[in-house]
Amino acid sequence: MGKRYWLVALVAFAAALAAVLVARTWLAPAPPVENEVHALLHDRLTLDAGQKQRIADLEAAFAQRKAALDAEMRADNQRLAAAIAAEHGYGPRVAQAVDRSHQAMGELQKETLKHIFAMRGVLRPDQAALFDAAVVKALTQPVG
């Protein structure tokens, strides 16, 4: 009976871990700021051809940086999974893996903000005012 209990507990733990990793990696929606800013830039502001090209260039560069950081976060998830499998609890390897993943997430947030400010720099003052309002709105909306 004892071995069966541990096997069931281990399978349940592995299933829960897999669900968390899948949700964190593939199912997480884009942050509200990105959605709001993207909709504003591409649907509601009247950009001239030069602005459209500069923003397209910024978005292409950001997409490359984001892809690299996303890959880093996937690797961090793998390290976290390995640490959990090795320690079966919140031990030093798990703590280190969590801290490392937080660094990558923080770097992505910083890069996203730099990207947002770079795009803002392309806008005329009247457009920038609408842009700022959209960013503030997205950041202050309730989560969920």
Protein backbone atom coordinates (compact mmCIF):
# COMPACT_ATOMS: atom_id res chain seq x y z
CA MET A 1 0.00 0.00 0.00
CA GLY A 2 2.85 2.44 0.77
CA LYS A 3 4.48 2.10 -2.67
CA ARG A 4 1.15 2.60 -4.41
CA TYR A 5 0.52 5.78 -2.38
CA TRP A 6 3.90 7.24 -3.35
CA LEU A 7 3.40 6.31 -7.00
CA VAL A 8 -0.01 8.03 -7.09
CA ALA A 9 1.44 11.09 -5.33
CA LEU A 10 4.38 11.23 -7.76
CA VAL A 11 2.11 10.94 -10.82
CA ALA A 12 -0.21 13.64 -9.47
CA PHE A 13 2.76 15.92 -8.78
CA ALA A 14 4.18 15.35 -12.26
CA ALA A 15 0.81 16.07 -13.87
CA ALA A 16 0.40 19.29 -11.88
CA LEU A 17 3.93 20.38 -12.77
CA ALA A 18 3.34 19.65 -16.45
CA ALA A 19 0.11 21.66 -16.41
CA VAL A 20 1.83 24.65 -14.82
CA LEU A 21 4.72 24.54 -17.29
CA VAL A 22 2.40 24.22 -20.31
CA ALA A 23 0.24 27.11 -19.09
CA ARG A 24 3.24 29.29 -18.33
CA THR A 25 5.00 28.56 -21.62
CA TRP A 26 2.31 28.25 -24.27
CA LEU A 27 -1.05 29.37 -22.98
CA ALA A 28 -0.23 32.68 -21.32
CA PRO A 29 -1.95 35.53 -23.18
CA ALA A 30 -0.03 38.57 -24.35
CA PRO A 31 0.19 41.21 -21.63
CA PRO A 32 -2.58 43.84 -21.75
CA VAL A 33 -0.10 46.64 -22.45
CA GLU A 34 1.11 44.94 -25.63
CA ASN A 35 -2.47 44.28 -26.79
CA GLU A 36 -3.63 47.82 -26.12
CA VAL A 37 -0.56 49.46 -27.68
CA HIS A 38 -0.68 47.19 -30.73
CA ALA A 39 -4.37 47.92 -31.32
CA LEU A 40 -3.77 51.65 -30.96
CA LEU A 41 -0.79 51.75 -33.32
CA HIS A 42 -2.25 49.58 -36.03
CA ASP A 43 -5.97 50.30 -35.83
CA ARG A 44 -6.66 53.71 -34.30
CA LEU A 45 -3.76 56.03 -35.07
CA THR A 46 -3.30 57.43 -38.54
CA LEU A 47 0.38 56.85 -39.10
CA ASP A 48 2.20 58.19 -42.12
CA ALA A 49 4.32 55.89 -44.29
CA GLY A 50 7.55 56.86 -42.53
CA GLN A 51 6.07 56.16 -39.10
CA LYS A 52 4.71 52.81 -40.26
CA GLN A 53 8.14 51.80 -41.57
CA ARG A 54 10.01 52.91 -38.44
CA ILE A 55 7.53 51.07 -36.21
CA ALA A 56 7.77 47.97 -38.42
CA ASP A 57 11.56 48.09 -38.04
CA LEU A 58 11.26 48.46 -34.26
CA GLU A 59 8.79 45.58 -34.07
CA ALA A 60 11.06 43.31 -36.14
CA ALA A 61 14.03 44.03 -33.88
CA PHE A 62 11.92 43.52 -30.76
CA ALA A 63 10.54 40.23 -32.10
CA GLN A 64 14.09 38.87 -32.38
CA ARG A 65 14.99 39.94 -28.85
CA LYS A 66 11.70 38.59 -27.48
CA ALA A 67 12.24 35.24 -29.21
CA ALA A 68 15.66 34.94 -27.57
CA LEU A 69 14.22 35.77 -24.14
CA ASP A 70 11.31 33.36 -24.68
CA ALA A 71 13.84 30.61 -25.46
CA GLU A 72 15.74 31.51 -22.31
CA MET A 73 12.53 31.26 -20.26
CA ARG A 74 11.74 27.85 -21.79
CA ALA A 75 15.23 26.69 -20.79
CA ASP A 76 14.60 28.10 -17.30
CA ASN A 77 11.37 26.07 -17.13
CA GLN A 78 13.32 22.93 -18.01
CA ARG A 79 15.87 23.67 -15.28
CA LEU A 80 13.04 24.29 -12.82
CA ALA A 81 11.40 21.00 -13.76
CA ALA A 82 14.70 19.15 -13.29
CA ALA A 83 15.25 20.82 -9.91
CA ILE A 84 11.74 19.90 -8.76
CA ALA A 85 12.23 16.33 -9.93
CA ALA A 86 15.53 16.13 -8.04
CA GLU A 87 14.45 17.80 -4.80
CA HIS A 88 10.72 16.94 -4.58
CA GLY A 89 10.18 20.20 -2.69
CA TYR A 90 11.30 23.79 -2.37
CA GLY A 91 15.01 23.25 -1.95
CA PRO A 92 18.10 25.24 -2.97
CA ARG A 93 18.06 24.04 -6.61
CA VAL A 94 14.38 24.95 -6.98
CA ALA A 95 14.98 28.36 -5.39
CA GLN A 96 17.92 29.01 -7.71
CA ALA A 97 15.88 27.95 -10.77
CA VAL A 98 13.02 30.23 -9.74
CA ASP A 99 15.39 33.17 -9.24
CA ARG A 100 16.96 32.56 -12.64
CA SER A 101 13.56 32.46 -14.36
CA HIS A 102 12.60 35.72 -12.65
CA GLN A 103 15.72 37.35 -14.10
CA ALA A 104 14.68 36.39 -17.63
CA MET A 105 11.10 37.57 -17.03
CA GLY A 106 12.41 40.87 -15.67
CA GLU A 107 14.67 41.30 -18.68
CA LEU A 108 11.71 40.71 -21.00
CA GLN A 109 9.71 43.33 -19.13
CA LYS A 110 12.56 45.83 -19.45
CA GLU A 111 12.98 45.11 -23.16
CA THR A 112 9.22 45.48 -23.67
CA LEU A 113 9.25 48.89 -21.98
CA LYS A 114 12.25 50.02 -24.04
CA HIS A 115 10.37 48.91 -27.15
CA ILE A 116 7.23 50.79 -26.11
CA PHE A 117 9.21 53.99 -25.51
CA ALA A 118 11.04 53.59 -28.82
CA MET A 119 7.71 53.33 -30.65
CA ARG A 120 6.42 56.35 -28.75
CA GLY A 121 9.41 58.29 -30.04
CA VAL A 122 8.15 57.79 -33.60
CA LEU A 123 4.82 59.49 -32.87
CA ARG A 124 3.73 63.10 -33.22
CA PRO A 125 2.77 64.86 -29.94
CA ASP A 126 -0.98 64.38 -30.56
CA GLN A 127 -0.44 60.68 -31.25
CA ALA A 128 1.88 60.32 -28.26
CA ALA A 129 -0.84 61.66 -25.95
CA LEU A 130 -3.24 58.93 -27.13
CA PHE A 131 -0.43 56.37 -26.86
CA ASP A 132 0.34 57.40 -23.28
CA ALA A 133 -3.33 57.15 -22.32
CA ALA A 134 -3.54 53.65 -23.82
CA VAL A 135 -0.45 52.50 -21.89
CA VAL A 136 -1.75 53.93 -18.61
CA LYS A 137 -5.15 52.34 -19.19
CA ALA A 138 -3.63 48.95 -19.92
CA LEU A 139 -1.38 49.09 -16.87
CA THR A 140 -4.16 50.10 -14.48
CA GLN A 141 -6.88 47.70 -15.64
CA PRO A 142 -7.78 44.98 -13.14
CA VAL A 143 -6.15 41.64 -13.89
CA GLY A 144 -8.42 38.79 -14.88
